[in-house]
Amino acid sequence: MDESTYTDIMLRAAQVFEMIAALILMAGLVLAFALAARSLRSNGDGKQAYQVLRQSFGGVLLLGLEVLVAGDLIRTVAVEPTLENVAVLGLIVLIRTFLSFSLEIEIEGVPPWRRGLVSGATVIKNAARDAGGQ
């Protein structure tokens, strides 16, 4: 396999990852709204439905960011691994990591280093509450 064929294949692979990420985001948005509507119908509580929407779409955003990072890795490392491209990749990963970290705090409501302080009973109680079992 010559170098141009390999580069074309890797570029296509990166594009596939980007398309998958876009599909995840679009399908996730629809799913998040469906879950929020279901929560609103079952509980009649707009605030709870909003929380369900934020949490479910936040999880989708995290997944989409992870898939986009994989596409960026393929594009940078496999296609053109110059020092400049690797530095740009590092910056992109740093920014996306910060976004992921911020989203996780927003979704979980607690920073990662404090998650151990949330007991299993609290997690179960919150899950039951969120499911409408009160």
C-alpha atoms as a PDB file:
ATOM      1  CA  MET A   1       0.000   0.000   0.000  1.00  0.00           C
ATOM      2  CA  ASP A   2       1.493   3.332  -0.991  1.00  0.00           C
ATOM      3  CA  GLU A   3       1.545   6.378   1.268  1.00  0.00           C
ATOM      4  CA  SER A   4      -1.225   8.293  -0.534  1.00  0.00           C
ATOM      5  CA  THR A   5      -3.617   5.347  -0.241  1.00  0.00           C
ATOM      6  CA  TYR A   6      -2.858   5.025   3.468  1.00  0.00           C
ATOM      7  CA  THR A   7      -3.392   8.773   3.953  1.00  0.00           C
ATOM      8  CA  ASP A   8      -6.710   8.649   2.088  1.00  0.00           C
ATOM      9  CA  ILE A   9      -7.904   5.725   4.199  1.00  0.00           C
ATOM     10  CA  MET A  10      -6.966   7.494   7.428  1.00  0.00           C
ATOM     11  CA  LEU A  11      -8.639  10.721   6.299  1.00  0.00           C
ATOM     12  CA  ARG A  12     -11.804   8.761   5.535  1.00  0.00           C
ATOM     13  CA  ALA A  13     -11.607   7.051   8.921  1.00  0.00           C
ATOM     14  CA  ALA A  14     -11.351  10.447  10.641  1.00  0.00           C
ATOM     15  CA  GLN A  15     -14.348  11.675   8.637  1.00  0.00           C
ATOM     16  CA  VAL A  16     -16.316   8.597   9.689  1.00  0.00           C
ATOM     17  CA  PHE A  17     -15.601   9.397  13.330  1.00  0.00           C
ATOM     18  CA  GLU A  18     -16.752  12.977  12.783  1.00  0.00           C
ATOM     19  CA  MET A  19     -19.961  11.786  11.106  1.00  0.00           C
ATOM     20  CA  ILE A  20     -20.608   9.344  13.943  1.00  0.00           C
ATOM     21  CA  ALA A  21     -20.119  12.162  16.451  1.00  0.00           C
ATOM     22  CA  ALA A  22     -22.608  14.351  14.557  1.00  0.00           C
ATOM     23  CA  LEU A  23     -25.130  11.495  14.495  1.00  0.00           C
ATOM     24  CA  ILE A  24     -24.631  10.903  18.216  1.00  0.00           C
ATOM     25  CA  LEU A  25     -25.302  14.575  18.923  1.00  0.00           C
ATOM     26  CA  MET A  26     -28.415  14.733  16.734  1.00  0.00           C
ATOM     27  CA  ALA A  27     -29.890  11.454  17.979  1.00  0.00           C
ATOM     28  CA  GLY A  28     -28.953  12.341  21.549  1.00  0.00           C
ATOM     29  CA  LEU A  29     -30.758  15.660  21.327  1.00  0.00           C
ATOM     30  CA  VAL A  30     -33.922  13.922  20.153  1.00  0.00           C
ATOM     31  CA  LEU A  31     -33.565  11.303  22.902  1.00  0.00           C
ATOM     32  CA  ALA A  32     -32.949  13.971  25.562  1.00  0.00           C
ATOM     33  CA  PHE A  33     -36.113  15.829  24.550  1.00  0.00           C
ATOM     34  CA  ALA A  34     -38.078  12.562  24.523  1.00  0.00           C
ATOM     35  CA  LEU A  35     -36.873  11.708  28.018  1.00  0.00           C
ATOM     36  CA  ALA A  36     -37.708  15.207  29.242  1.00  0.00           C
ATOM     37  CA  ALA A  37     -41.198  14.984  27.715  1.00  0.00           C
ATOM     38  CA  ARG A  38     -41.714  11.599  29.365  1.00  0.00           C
ATOM     39  CA  SER A  39     -40.602  13.018  32.692  1.00  0.00           C
ATOM     40  CA  LEU A  40     -42.923  15.995  32.281  1.00  0.00           C
ATOM     41  CA  ARG A  41     -45.875  13.731  31.442  1.00  0.00           C
ATOM     42  CA  SER A  42     -45.256  11.367  34.353  1.00  0.00           C
ATOM     43  CA  ASN A  43     -44.417  13.960  37.022  1.00  0.00           C
ATOM     44  CA  GLY A  44     -45.907  17.164  35.673  1.00  0.00           C
ATOM     45  CA  ASP A  45     -42.869  18.914  37.081  1.00  0.00           C
ATOM     46  CA  GLY A  46     -41.164  21.222  34.582  1.00  0.00           C
ATOM     47  CA  LYS A  47     -38.103  21.623  36.778  1.00  0.00           C
ATOM     48  CA  GLN A  48     -37.572  17.845  36.919  1.00  0.00           C
ATOM     49  CA  ALA A  49     -38.060  17.575  33.151  1.00  0.00           C
ATOM     50  CA  TYR A  50     -35.470  20.313  32.638  1.00  0.00           C
ATOM     51  CA  GLN A  51     -32.998  18.427  34.856  1.00  0.00           C
ATOM     52  CA  VAL A  52     -33.585  15.229  32.875  1.00  0.00           C
ATOM     53  CA  LEU A  53     -33.006  17.173  29.648  1.00  0.00           C
ATOM     54  CA  ARG A  54     -29.769  18.714  30.944  1.00  0.00           C
ATOM     55  CA  GLN A  55     -28.400  15.469  32.333  1.00  0.00           C
ATOM     56  CA  SER A  56     -29.237  13.313  29.342  1.00  0.00           C
ATOM     57  CA  PHE A  57     -27.981  15.805  26.759  1.00  0.00           C
ATOM     58  CA  GLY A  58     -24.897  16.482  28.875  1.00  0.00           C
ATOM     59  CA  GLY A  59     -24.076  12.774  28.687  1.00  0.00           C
ATOM     60  CA  VAL A  60     -24.572  12.878  24.924  1.00  0.00           C
ATOM     61  CA  LEU A  61     -22.215  15.848  24.659  1.00  0.00           C
ATOM     62  CA  LEU A  62     -19.569  13.925  26.591  1.00  0.00           C
ATOM     63  CA  LEU A  63     -19.876  10.946  24.272  1.00  0.00           C
ATOM     64  CA  GLY A  64     -19.783  13.171  21.192  1.00  0.00           C
ATOM     65  CA  LEU A  65     -16.639  14.921  22.434  1.00  0.00           C
ATOM     66  CA  GLU A  66     -14.908  11.594  23.028  1.00  0.00           C
ATOM     67  CA  VAL A  67     -15.690  10.412  19.505  1.00  0.00           C
ATOM     68  CA  LEU A  68     -14.480  13.721  18.043  1.00  0.00           C
ATOM     69  CA  VAL A  69     -11.192  13.371  19.929  1.00  0.00           C
ATOM     70  CA  ALA A  70     -10.743   9.913  18.392  1.00  0.00           C
ATOM     71  CA  GLY A  71     -11.238  11.411  14.927  1.00  0.00           C
ATOM     72  CA  ASP A  72      -8.727  14.150  15.690  1.00  0.00           C
ATOM     73  CA  LEU A  73      -6.205  11.574  16.881  1.00  0.00           C
ATOM     74  CA  ILE A  74      -6.507   9.598  13.674  1.00  0.00           C
ATOM     75  CA  ARG A  75      -6.238  12.695  11.522  1.00  0.00           C
ATOM     76  CA  THR A  76      -3.196  14.070  13.337  1.00  0.00           C
ATOM     77  CA  VAL A  77      -1.176  10.976  14.169  1.00  0.00           C
ATOM     78  CA  ALA A  78      -1.914   8.808  11.146  1.00  0.00           C
ATOM     79  CA  VAL A  79      -2.212  11.414   8.397  1.00  0.00           C
ATOM     80  CA  GLU A  80       0.313  14.182   9.053  1.00  0.00           C
ATOM     81  CA  PRO A  81       2.258  13.782  12.312  1.00  0.00           C
ATOM     82  CA  THR A  82       4.181  17.043  12.183  1.00  0.00           C
ATOM     83  CA  LEU A  83       5.200  18.802  15.370  1.00  0.00           C
ATOM     84  CA  GLU A  84       2.765  21.637  14.613  1.00  0.00           C
ATOM     85  CA  ASN A  85      -0.163  19.224  14.084  1.00  0.00           C
ATOM     86  CA  VAL A  86       0.652  17.333  17.261  1.00  0.00           C
ATOM     87  CA  ALA A  87       0.741  20.645  19.175  1.00  0.00           C
ATOM     88  CA  VAL A  88      -2.637  21.616  17.702  1.00  0.00           C
ATOM     89  CA  LEU A  89      -3.991  18.186  18.636  1.00  0.00           C
ATOM     90  CA  GLY A  90      -2.694  18.649  22.172  1.00  0.00           C
ATOM     91  CA  LEU A  91      -4.488  21.974  22.427  1.00  0.00           C
ATOM     92  CA  ILE A  92      -7.718  20.497  21.042  1.00  0.00           C
ATOM     93  CA  VAL A  93      -7.545  17.580  23.478  1.00  0.00           C
ATOM     94  CA  LEU A  94      -6.829  19.975  26.349  1.00  0.00           C
ATOM     95  CA  ILE A  95      -9.841  22.138  25.478  1.00  0.00           C
ATOM     96  CA  ARG A  96     -12.129  19.140  24.997  1.00  0.00           C
ATOM     97  CA  THR A  97     -10.888  17.593  28.241  1.00  0.00           C
ATOM     98  CA  PHE A  98     -11.720  20.812  30.075  1.00  0.00           C
ATOM     99  CA  LEU A  99     -15.171  20.832  28.452  1.00  0.00           C
ATOM    100  CA  SER A 100     -15.716  17.183  29.398  1.00  0.00           C
ATOM    101  CA  PHE A 101     -14.597  17.849  32.961  1.00  0.00           C
ATOM    102  CA  SER A 102     -16.941  20.838  33.223  1.00  0.00           C
ATOM    103  CA  LEU A 103     -19.845  18.864  31.768  1.00  0.00           C
ATOM    104  CA  GLU A 104     -19.271  15.994  34.202  1.00  0.00           C
ATOM    105  CA  ILE A 105     -19.363  18.385  37.145  1.00  0.00           C
ATOM    106  CA  GLU A 106     -22.544  19.940  35.757  1.00  0.00           C
ATOM    107  CA  ILE A 107     -24.210  16.550  35.242  1.00  0.00           C
ATOM    108  CA  GLU A 108     -23.107  14.889  38.480  1.00  0.00           C
ATOM    109  CA  GLY A 109     -23.312  18.018  40.588  1.00  0.00           C
ATOM    110  CA  VAL A 110     -20.076  17.149  42.350  1.00  0.00           C
ATOM    111  CA  PRO A 111     -16.414  17.380  41.319  1.00  0.00           C
ATOM    112  CA  PRO A 112     -14.668  14.044  40.639  1.00  0.00           C
ATOM    113  CA  TRP A 113     -12.510  14.284  43.754  1.00  0.00           C
ATOM    114  CA  ARG A 114     -15.671  14.594  45.895  1.00  0.00           C
ATOM    115  CA  ARG A 115     -17.670  11.760  44.296  1.00  0.00           C
ATOM    116  CA  GLY A 116     -16.512   9.341  46.971  1.00  0.00           C
ATOM    117  CA  LEU A 117     -18.411  11.419  49.516  1.00  0.00           C
ATOM    118  CA  VAL A 118     -21.707  10.653  47.788  1.00  0.00           C
ATOM    119  CA  SER A 119     -22.976   7.425  49.341  1.00  0.00           C
ATOM    120  CA  GLY A 120     -24.519   4.535  47.462  1.00  0.00           C
ATOM    121  CA  ALA A 121     -27.806   5.118  49.285  1.00  0.00           C
ATOM    122  CA  THR A 122     -27.884   8.704  48.013  1.00  0.00           C
ATOM    123  CA  VAL A 123     -27.248   7.559  44.461  1.00  0.00           C
ATOM    124  CA  ILE A 124     -30.037   4.962  44.674  1.00  0.00           C
ATOM    125  CA  LYS A 125     -32.436   7.494  46.205  1.00  0.00           C
ATOM    126  CA  ASN A 126     -31.675   9.982  43.441  1.00  0.00           C
ATOM    127  CA  ALA A 127     -32.100   7.351  40.738  1.00  0.00           C
ATOM    128  CA  ALA A 128     -35.475   6.314  42.162  1.00  0.00           C
ATOM    129  CA  ARG A 129     -36.535   9.946  42.388  1.00  0.00           C
ATOM    130  CA  ASP A 130     -35.462  10.641  38.823  1.00  0.00           C
ATOM    131  CA  ALA A 131     -37.365   7.604  37.570  1.00  0.00           C
ATOM    132  CA  GLY A 132     -40.561   8.986  39.095  1.00  0.00           C
ATOM    133  CA  GLY A 133     -40.755   6.484  41.962  1.00  0.00           C
ATOM    134  CA  GLN A 134     -40.323   9.255  44.583  1.00  0.00           C
END
